C-alpha atoms as a PDB file:
ATOM      1  CA  UNK A   1     190.363 -77.372  53.604  1.00  0.00           C
ATOM      2  CA  UNK A   2     188.325 -79.052  51.325  1.00  0.00           C
ATOM      3  CA  UNK A   3     190.010 -82.088  49.478  1.00  0.00           C
ATOM      4  CA  UNK A   4     188.288 -81.453  46.344  1.00  0.00           C
ATOM      5  CA  UNK A   5     188.616 -77.718  45.992  1.00  0.00           C
ATOM      6  CA  UNK A   6     185.922 -75.171  46.599  1.00  0.00           C
ATOM      7  CA  UNK A   7     184.827 -71.722  44.924  1.00  0.00           C
ATOM      8  CA  UNK A   8     183.684 -68.869  47.612  1.00  0.00           C
ATOM      9  CA  UNK A   9     181.742 -65.502  46.722  1.00  0.00           C
ATOM     10  CA  UNK A  10     181.314 -62.417  48.993  1.00  0.00           C
ATOM     11  CA  UNK A  11     179.488 -59.072  48.194  1.00  0.00           C
ATOM     12  CA  UNK A  12     180.306 -55.862  49.867  1.00  0.00           C
ATOM     13  CA  UNK A  13     179.920 -52.124  48.900  1.00  0.00           C
ATOM     14  CA  UNK A  14     179.006 -53.044  45.302  1.00  0.00           C
ATOM     15  CA  UNK A  15     182.250 -55.393  44.687  1.00  0.00           C
ATOM     16  CA  UNK A  16     181.795 -59.017  44.007  1.00  0.00           C
ATOM     17  CA  UNK A  17     185.009 -61.129  44.787  1.00  0.00           C
ATOM     18  CA  UNK A  18     185.299 -64.879  43.834  1.00  0.00           C
ATOM     19  CA  UNK A  19     187.884 -67.111  45.398  1.00  0.00           C
ATOM     20  CA  UNK A  20     189.002 -70.575  44.400  1.00  0.00           C
ATOM     21  CA  UNK A  21     190.932 -72.948  46.070  1.00  0.00           C
ATOM     22  CA  UNK A  22     192.290 -76.355  45.448  1.00  0.00           C
ATOM     23  CA  UNK A  23     195.051 -78.408  48.113  1.00  0.00           C
ATOM     24  CA  UNK A  24     197.153 -78.991  44.870  1.00  0.00           C
ATOM     25  CA  UNK A  25     198.525 -75.722  44.294  1.00  0.00           C
ATOM     26  CA  UNK A  26     194.951 -74.119  43.132  1.00  0.00           C
ATOM     27  CA  UNK A  27     194.573 -76.312  40.142  1.00  0.00           C
ATOM     28  CA  UNK A  28     191.963 -76.537  38.506  1.00  0.00           C
ATOM     29  CA  UNK A  29     189.799 -79.986  37.805  1.00  0.00           C
ATOM     30  CA  UNK A  30     186.996 -80.118  35.270  1.00  0.00           C
ATOM     31  CA  UNK A  31     184.267 -79.355  37.268  1.00  0.00           C
ATOM     32  CA  UNK A  32     185.744 -76.641  39.186  1.00  0.00           C
ATOM     33  CA  UNK A  33     186.044 -74.967  35.627  1.00  0.00           C
ATOM     34  CA  UNK A  34     182.915 -75.191  35.337  1.00  0.00           C
ATOM     35  CA  UNK A  35     181.368 -73.661  38.487  1.00  0.00           C
ATOM     36  CA  UNK A  36     184.147 -71.039  38.236  1.00  0.00           C
ATOM     37  CA  UNK A  37     182.567 -69.717  34.791  1.00  0.00           C
ATOM     38  CA  UNK A  38     178.962 -70.550  36.081  1.00  0.00           C
ATOM     39  CA  UNK A  39     180.109 -68.301  38.880  1.00  0.00           C
ATOM     40  CA  UNK A  40     181.566 -65.546  37.193  1.00  0.00           C
ATOM     41  CA  UNK A  41     178.554 -65.543  34.885  1.00  0.00           C
ATOM     42  CA  UNK A  42     176.298 -65.119  38.051  1.00  0.00           C
ATOM     43  CA  UNK A  43     178.142 -62.542  39.430  1.00  0.00           C
ATOM     44  CA  UNK A  44     177.888 -60.517  36.301  1.00  0.00           C
ATOM     45  CA  UNK A  45     174.214 -60.551  35.784  1.00  0.00           C
ATOM     46  CA  UNK A  46     173.753 -59.065  39.648  1.00  0.00           C
ATOM     47  CA  UNK A  47     173.120 -55.332  39.070  1.00  0.00           C
ATOM     48  CA  UNK A  48     174.056 -54.476  42.658  1.00  0.00           C
ATOM     49  CA  UNK A  49     177.433 -55.978  41.731  1.00  0.00           C
ATOM     50  CA  UNK A  50     179.414 -53.248  40.022  1.00  0.00           C
ATOM     51  CA  UNK A  51     183.290 -54.900  39.711  1.00  0.00           C
ATOM     52  CA  UNK A  52     184.459 -58.237  40.177  1.00  0.00           C
ATOM     53  CA  UNK A  53     187.922 -59.438  41.769  1.00  0.00           C
ATOM     54  CA  UNK A  54     188.906 -62.806  41.008  1.00  0.00           C
ATOM     55  CA  UNK A  55     191.455 -64.501  43.480  1.00  0.00           C
ATOM     56  CA  UNK A  56     192.834 -67.630  44.730  1.00  0.00           C
ATOM     57  CA  UNK A  57     193.453 -68.582  48.269  1.00  0.00           C
ATOM     58  CA  UNK A  58     196.546 -68.877  50.223  1.00  0.00           C
ATOM     59  CA  UNK A  59     200.253 -66.919  49.393  1.00  0.00           C
ATOM     60  CA  UNK A  60     201.508 -69.559  47.452  1.00  0.00           C
ATOM     61  CA  UNK A  61     200.510 -70.388  44.197  1.00  0.00           C
ATOM     62  CA  UNK A  62     197.710 -68.608  42.164  1.00  0.00           C
ATOM     63  CA  UNK A  63     196.917 -71.294  39.739  1.00  0.00           C
ATOM     64  CA  UNK A  64     198.716 -74.385  38.965  1.00  0.00           C
ATOM     65  CA  UNK A  65     196.625 -74.988  35.701  1.00  0.00           C
ATOM     66  CA  UNK A  66     195.144 -78.104  34.587  1.00  0.00           C
ATOM     67  CA  UNK A  67     194.644 -81.377  37.292  1.00  0.00           C
ATOM     68  CA  UNK A  68     197.334 -84.059  36.303  1.00  0.00           C
ATOM     69  CA  UNK A  69     195.281 -86.840  38.081  1.00  0.00           C
ATOM     70  CA  UNK A  70     192.262 -85.770  35.643  1.00  0.00           C
ATOM     71  CA  UNK A  71     194.726 -85.486  32.668  1.00  0.00           C
ATOM     72  CA  UNK A  72     196.274 -88.537  32.800  1.00  0.00           C
ATOM     73  CA  UNK A  73     192.680 -90.425  33.285  1.00  0.00           C
ATOM     74  CA  UNK A  74     191.590 -88.948  29.971  1.00  0.00           C
ATOM     75  CA  UNK A  75     191.072 -92.017  27.763  1.00  0.00           C
ATOM     76  CA  UNK A  76     188.982 -90.941  24.747  1.00  0.00           C
ATOM     77  CA  UNK A  77     188.747 -87.937  22.609  1.00  0.00           C
ATOM     78  CA  UNK A  78     185.210 -86.742  23.797  1.00  0.00           C
ATOM     79  CA  UNK A  79     186.572 -86.778  27.719  1.00  0.00           C
ATOM     80  CA  UNK A  80     189.613 -84.592  26.087  1.00  0.00           C
ATOM     81  CA  UNK A  81     187.736 -82.323  24.548  1.00  0.00           C
ATOM     82  CA  UNK A  82     185.317 -81.932  27.629  1.00  0.00           C
ATOM     83  CA  UNK A  83     188.129 -81.094  29.963  1.00  0.00           C
ATOM     84  CA  UNK A  84     189.689 -78.289  28.048  1.00  0.00           C
ATOM     85  CA  UNK A  85     186.405 -76.974  27.586  1.00  0.00           C
ATOM     86  CA  UNK A  86     186.167 -75.842  30.854  1.00  0.00           C
ATOM     87  CA  UNK A  87     189.339 -73.793  30.452  1.00  0.00           C
ATOM     88  CA  UNK A  88     187.166 -72.494  27.574  1.00  0.00           C
ATOM     89  CA  UNK A  89     184.027 -71.379  29.575  1.00  0.00           C
ATOM     90  CA  UNK A  90     186.076 -69.720  32.328  1.00  0.00           C
ATOM     91  CA  UNK A  91     187.781 -67.591  29.603  1.00  0.00           C
ATOM     92  CA  UNK A  92     184.555 -66.929  27.809  1.00  0.00           C
ATOM     93  CA  UNK A  93     182.916 -66.181  31.067  1.00  0.00           C
ATOM     94  CA  UNK A  94     185.218 -63.533  31.655  1.00  0.00           C
ATOM     95  CA  UNK A  95     185.424 -62.051  28.358  1.00  0.00           C
ATOM     96  CA  UNK A  96     181.769 -61.792  28.519  1.00  0.00           C
ATOM     97  CA  UNK A  97     180.767 -60.513  32.214  1.00  0.00           C
ATOM     98  CA  UNK A  98     179.927 -57.212  31.626  1.00  0.00           C
ATOM     99  CA  UNK A  99     181.761 -56.086  34.871  1.00  0.00           C
ATOM    100  CA  UNK A 100     185.386 -54.669  34.939  1.00  0.00           C
ATOM    101  CA  UNK A 101     187.324 -57.793  36.378  1.00  0.00           C
ATOM    102  CA  UNK A 102     190.472 -57.190  38.621  1.00  0.00           C
ATOM    103  CA  UNK A 103     192.855 -60.492  38.965  1.00  0.00           C
ATOM    104  CA  UNK A 104     194.717 -60.680  42.310  1.00  0.00           C
ATOM    105  CA  UNK A 105     198.070 -62.854  41.410  1.00  0.00           C
ATOM    106  CA  UNK A 106     199.889 -63.796  44.474  1.00  0.00           C
ATOM    107  CA  UNK A 107     202.124 -66.191  43.373  1.00  0.00           C
ATOM    108  CA  UNK A 108     203.407 -68.725  40.471  1.00  0.00           C
ATOM    109  CA  UNK A 109     200.839 -69.414  37.926  1.00  0.00           C
ATOM    110  CA  UNK A 110     201.272 -72.345  35.011  1.00  0.00           C
ATOM    111  CA  UNK A 111     199.169 -72.835  31.664  1.00  0.00           C
ATOM    112  CA  UNK A 112     195.490 -72.291  32.234  1.00  0.00           C
ATOM    113  CA  UNK A 113     196.175 -69.961  35.125  1.00  0.00           C
ATOM    114  CA  UNK A 114     198.265 -67.726  32.871  1.00  0.00           C
ATOM    115  CA  UNK A 115     195.011 -67.795  30.825  1.00  0.00           C
ATOM    116  CA  UNK A 116     192.925 -66.637  33.432  1.00  0.00           C
ATOM    117  CA  UNK A 117     195.201 -63.900  34.577  1.00  0.00           C
ATOM    118  CA  UNK A 118     195.523 -62.838  30.974  1.00  0.00           C
ATOM    119  CA  UNK A 119     191.590 -62.935  30.583  1.00  0.00           C
ATOM    120  CA  UNK A 120     191.543 -59.984  33.463  1.00  0.00           C
ATOM    121  CA  UNK A 121     190.883 -56.680  32.532  1.00  0.00           C
ATOM    122  CA  UNK A 122     193.181 -55.248  35.191  1.00  0.00           C
ATOM    123  CA  UNK A 123     195.576 -57.952  36.664  1.00  0.00           C
ATOM    124  CA  UNK A 124     197.823 -57.084  39.985  1.00  0.00           C
ATOM    125  CA  UNK A 125     200.441 -59.531  41.207  1.00  0.00           C
ATOM    126  CA  UNK A 126     202.967 -59.988  43.890  1.00  0.00           C
ATOM    127  CA  UNK A 127     206.893 -59.773  42.805  1.00  0.00           C
ATOM    128  CA  UNK A 128     207.048 -63.875  43.169  1.00  0.00           C
ATOM    129  CA  UNK A 129     203.931 -64.574  40.319  1.00  0.00           C
ATOM    130  CA  UNK A 130     206.453 -66.064  37.855  1.00  0.00           C
ATOM    131  CA  UNK A 131     204.619 -67.401  34.870  1.00  0.00           C
ATOM    132  CA  UNK A 132     205.064 -70.638  32.616  1.00  0.00           C
ATOM    133  CA  UNK A 133     203.299 -72.015  29.911  1.00  0.00           C
ATOM    134  CA  UNK A 134     204.299 -75.664  30.248  1.00  0.00           C
ATOM    135  CA  UNK A 135     201.825 -76.942  27.606  1.00  0.00           C
ATOM    136  CA  UNK A 136     204.370 -77.857  24.966  1.00  0.00           C
ATOM    137  CA  UNK A 137     206.431 -79.910  27.383  1.00  0.00           C
ATOM    138  CA  UNK A 138     203.515 -82.174  28.261  1.00  0.00           C
ATOM    139  CA  UNK A 139     203.105 -82.616  24.541  1.00  0.00           C
ATOM    140  CA  UNK A 140     199.923 -80.631  24.155  1.00  0.00           C
ATOM    141  CA  UNK A 141     200.636 -76.762  23.471  1.00  0.00           C
ATOM    142  CA  UNK A 142     198.756 -73.769  25.012  1.00  0.00           C
ATOM    143  CA  UNK A 143     196.055 -73.819  22.508  1.00  0.00           C
ATOM    144  CA  UNK A 144     192.514 -73.079  24.633  1.00  0.00           C
ATOM    145  CA  UNK A 145     194.296 -70.250  26.698  1.00  0.00           C
ATOM    146  CA  UNK A 146     196.408 -68.295  23.789  1.00  0.00           C
ATOM    147  CA  UNK A 147     193.839 -66.133  22.435  1.00  0.00           C
ATOM    148  CA  UNK A 148     193.867 -64.614  25.618  1.00  0.00           C
ATOM    149  CA  UNK A 149     197.372 -64.660  26.374  1.00  0.00           C
ATOM    150  CA  UNK A 150     198.179 -63.629  23.102  1.00  0.00           C
ATOM    151  CA  UNK A 151     195.546 -60.557  23.095  1.00  0.00           C
ATOM    152  CA  UNK A 152     197.203 -59.819  26.221  1.00  0.00           C
ATOM    153  CA  UNK A 153     200.784 -59.785  25.794  1.00  0.00           C
ATOM    154  CA  UNK A 154     201.355 -59.688  22.033  1.00  0.00           C
ATOM    155  CA  UNK A 155     202.333 -62.636  19.714  1.00  0.00           C
ATOM    156  CA  UNK A 156     206.254 -62.432  20.049  1.00  0.00           C
ATOM    157  CA  UNK A 157     205.721 -62.838  23.842  1.00  0.00           C
ATOM    158  CA  UNK A 158     203.336 -65.860  23.577  1.00  0.00           C
ATOM    159  CA  UNK A 159     205.679 -67.146  21.267  1.00  0.00           C
ATOM    160  CA  UNK A 160     208.235 -67.271  23.845  1.00  0.00           C
ATOM    161  CA  UNK A 161     206.017 -68.424  26.800  1.00  0.00           C
ATOM    162  CA  UNK A 162     204.974 -71.241  24.483  1.00  0.00           C
ATOM    163  CA  UNK A 163     208.266 -72.537  22.998  1.00  0.00           C
ATOM    164  CA  UNK A 164     210.458 -72.242  26.292  1.00  0.00           C
ATOM    165  CA  UNK A 165     207.833 -74.127  28.136  1.00  0.00           C
ATOM    166  CA  UNK A 166     210.294 -75.205  30.563  1.00  0.00           C
ATOM    167  CA  UNK A 167     211.294 -71.819  31.935  1.00  0.00           C
ATOM    168  CA  UNK A 168     209.799 -69.692  34.485  1.00  0.00           C
ATOM    169  CA  UNK A 169     209.035 -65.798  33.323  1.00  0.00           C
ATOM    170  CA  UNK A 170     209.111 -63.563  36.386  1.00  0.00           C
ATOM    171  CA  UNK A 171     206.597 -61.062  37.628  1.00  0.00           C
ATOM    172  CA  UNK A 172     208.526 -58.041  36.195  1.00  0.00           C
ATOM    173  CA  UNK A 173     208.838 -59.356  32.495  1.00  0.00           C
ATOM    174  CA  UNK A 174     204.913 -59.842  32.648  1.00  0.00           C
ATOM    175  CA  UNK A 175     204.579 -56.382  33.481  1.00  0.00           C
ATOM    176  CA  UNK A 176     206.584 -55.257  31.086  1.00  0.00           C
ATOM    177  CA  UNK A 177     204.658 -57.531  28.353  1.00  0.00           C
ATOM    178  CA  UNK A 178     201.338 -56.297  29.686  1.00  0.00           C
ATOM    179  CA  UNK A 179     199.900 -59.444  31.126  1.00  0.00           C
ATOM    180  CA  UNK A 180     200.365 -57.623  34.577  1.00  0.00           C
ATOM    181  CA  UNK A 181     199.529 -53.839  35.190  1.00  0.00           C
ATOM    182  CA  UNK A 182     200.977 -53.452  38.617  1.00  0.00           C
ATOM    183  CA  UNK A 183     203.712 -55.590  40.718  1.00  0.00           C
ATOM    184  CA  UNK A 184     203.516 -55.375  44.380  1.00  0.00           C
ATOM    185  CA  UNK A 185     206.506 -56.144  46.678  1.00  0.00           C
ATOM    186  CA  UNK A 186     204.660 -57.457  49.628  1.00  0.00           C
ATOM    187  CA  UNK A 187     201.024 -59.309  49.832  1.00  0.00           C
ATOM    188  CA  UNK A 188     200.075 -56.549  52.366  1.00  0.00           C
ATOM    189  CA  UNK A 189     200.418 -54.180  49.101  1.00  0.00           C
ATOM    190  CA  UNK A 190     198.962 -56.419  46.609  1.00  0.00           C
ATOM    191  CA  UNK A 191     195.763 -56.672  48.793  1.00  0.00           C
ATOM    192  CA  UNK A 192     195.591 -52.675  49.338  1.00  0.00           C
ATOM    193  CA  UNK A 193     196.273 -52.312  45.852  1.00  0.00           C
ATOM    194  CA  UNK A 194     193.482 -54.529  44.582  1.00  0.00           C
ATOM    195  CA  UNK A 195     191.327 -53.574  47.613  1.00  0.00           C
ATOM    196  CA  UNK A 196     191.480 -49.573  46.334  1.00  0.00           C
ATOM    197  CA  UNK A 197     191.180 -50.044  42.675  1.00  0.00           C
ATOM    198  CA  UNK A 198     188.031 -52.472  43.568  1.00  0.00           C
ATOM    199  CA  UNK A 199     186.373 -49.706  45.819  1.00  0.00           C
ATOM    200  CA  UNK A 200     187.340 -47.094  43.308  1.00  0.00           C
ATOM    201  CA  UNK A 201     185.652 -48.913  40.106  1.00  0.00           C
ATOM    202  CA  UNK A 202     182.401 -49.822  42.709  1.00  0.00           C
ATOM    203  CA  UNK A 203     181.654 -46.061  42.760  1.00  0.00           C
ATOM    204  CA  UNK A 204     181.899 -45.559  38.596  1.00  0.00           C
ATOM    205  CA  UNK A 205     178.963 -45.824  36.464  1.00  0.00           C
ATOM    206  CA  UNK A 206     178.291 -49.719  35.841  1.00  0.00           C
ATOM    207  CA  UNK A 207     177.028 -48.660  32.359  1.00  0.00           C
ATOM    208  CA  UNK A 208     180.289 -46.518  31.363  1.00  0.00           C
ATOM    209  CA  UNK A 209     182.208 -49.659  32.547  1.00  0.00           C
ATOM    210  CA  UNK A 210     180.308 -52.058  30.659  1.00  0.00           C
ATOM    211  CA  UNK A 211     180.398 -49.941  27.877  1.00  0.00           C
ATOM    212  CA  UNK A 212     184.177 -49.906  28.046  1.00  0.00           C
ATOM    213  CA  UNK A 213     185.078 -53.645  28.503  1.00  0.00           C
ATOM    214  CA  UNK A 214     182.990 -54.092  25.122  1.00  0.00           C
ATOM    215  CA  UNK A 215     185.921 -52.009  23.501  1.00  0.00           C
ATOM    216  CA  UNK A 216     188.274 -53.449  25.420  1.00  0.00           C
ATOM    217  CA  UNK A 217     187.383 -56.860  24.129  1.00  0.00           C
ATOM    218  CA  UNK A 218     186.386 -55.981  20.559  1.00  0.00           C
ATOM    219  CA  UNK A 219     187.384 -58.754  17.791  1.00  0.00           C
ATOM    220  CA  UNK A 220     186.781 -61.730  20.287  1.00  0.00           C
ATOM    221  CA  UNK A 221     183.446 -62.192  18.954  1.00  0.00           C
ATOM    222  CA  UNK A 222     184.331 -65.415  17.761  1.00  0.00           C
ATOM    223  CA  UNK A 223     185.753 -67.024  20.745  1.00  0.00           C
ATOM    224  CA  UNK A 224     182.946 -69.606  21.487  1.00  0.00           C
ATOM    225  CA  UNK A 225     183.731 -71.158  18.196  1.00  0.00           C
ATOM    226  CA  UNK A 226     187.418 -70.678  18.465  1.00  0.00           C
ATOM    227  CA  UNK A 227     188.005 -71.754  22.027  1.00  0.00           C
ATOM    228  CA  UNK A 228     185.945 -75.009  21.417  1.00  0.00           C
ATOM    229  CA  UNK A 229     188.443 -75.706  18.129  1.00  0.00           C
ATOM    230  CA  UNK A 230     191.113 -75.240  20.317  1.00  0.00           C
ATOM    231  CA  UNK A 231     189.638 -77.464  22.925  1.00  0.00           C
ATOM    232  CA  UNK A 232     189.094 -80.078  20.254  1.00  0.00           C
ATOM    233  CA  UNK A 233     193.173 -79.838  19.373  1.00  0.00           C
ATOM    234  CA  UNK A 234     194.119 -80.261  23.232  1.00  0.00           C
ATOM    235  CA  UNK A 235     191.398 -83.029  23.735  1.00  0.00           C
ATOM    236  CA  UNK A 236     193.304 -85.160  20.675  1.00  0.00           C
ATOM    237  CA  UNK A 237     196.627 -84.264  21.924  1.00  0.00           C
ATOM    238  CA  UNK A 238     196.154 -85.486  25.342  1.00  0.00           C
ATOM    239  CA  UNK A 239     195.962 -89.067  24.437  1.00  0.00           C
ATOM    240  CA  UNK A 240     199.219 -89.590  23.290  1.00  0.00           C
ATOM    241  CA  UNK A 241     201.757 -91.787  24.911  1.00  0.00           C
ATOM    242  CA  UNK A 242     204.139 -88.747  24.981  1.00  0.00           C
ATOM    243  CA  UNK A 243     201.545 -86.764  27.365  1.00  0.00           C
ATOM    244  CA  UNK A 244     200.777 -89.886  29.410  1.00  0.00           C
ATOM    245  CA  UNK A 245     204.472 -90.624  29.716  1.00  0.00           C
ATOM    246  CA  UNK A 246     205.337 -87.457  30.750  1.00  0.00           C
ATOM    247  CA  UNK A 247     202.548 -86.767  33.417  1.00  0.00           C
ATOM    248  CA  UNK A 248     203.346 -90.557  35.034  1.00  0.00           C
ATOM    249  CA  UNK A 249     207.625 -89.454  35.179  1.00  0.00           C
ATOM    250  CA  UNK A 250     206.451 -86.015  36.506  1.00  0.00           C
ATOM    251  CA  UNK A 251     204.623 -87.727  39.049  1.00  0.00           C
ATOM    252  CA  UNK A 252     207.024 -90.293  40.113  1.00  0.00           C
ATOM    253  CA  UNK A 253     210.059 -88.115  40.397  1.00  0.00           C
END
């Protein structure tokens, strides 16, 4: 397994699958975020791809969010903004992609991973897929992923996730709030649900699905500017002693 992580793609029967992997809980370092965003954009431009599946490797965590090693190494505002713009680029790539995107969530997901799950047009999860927005505990706050999560679950549920930054909310809670469309009891059932839906959508009109996606994302036309503004907030806050101390304590615990 590559120690710096990797992103792989396959295209079969008009279904484009994007899989990301990182040995540390499928966390997403800055370069992987940018590579993931560009991969989503490139797949969305292929006429013979009718639907996208976005997933991470394994049966453990779906995504551990930001790389702590990279966060603690940030020592100026420009580096901080640049890092968080990686998540902004992924969310905007998912938003702007003309293909309907199915997200497969096989396990726990934190922070930026919750944002990715929220940006899916149809997200299917395993029953172990608990979610947590831990950013406030780090001294940052879920600023970049906030618009995606709030759009999917509403202000009340987003507030709950944001404020109680140390607690996990289980997959059924996420389904009831609208983040997950379905929750499966086994990984086999999860894979079948994803494959069946992708196969079904692959036979539908790409033009009709592209127009429907525009309807789903109405009101988000300002996200290029909004998410950059949010990345600037996080890029400033990540420099605080509070954040540095929290990450050091977490890594040494």
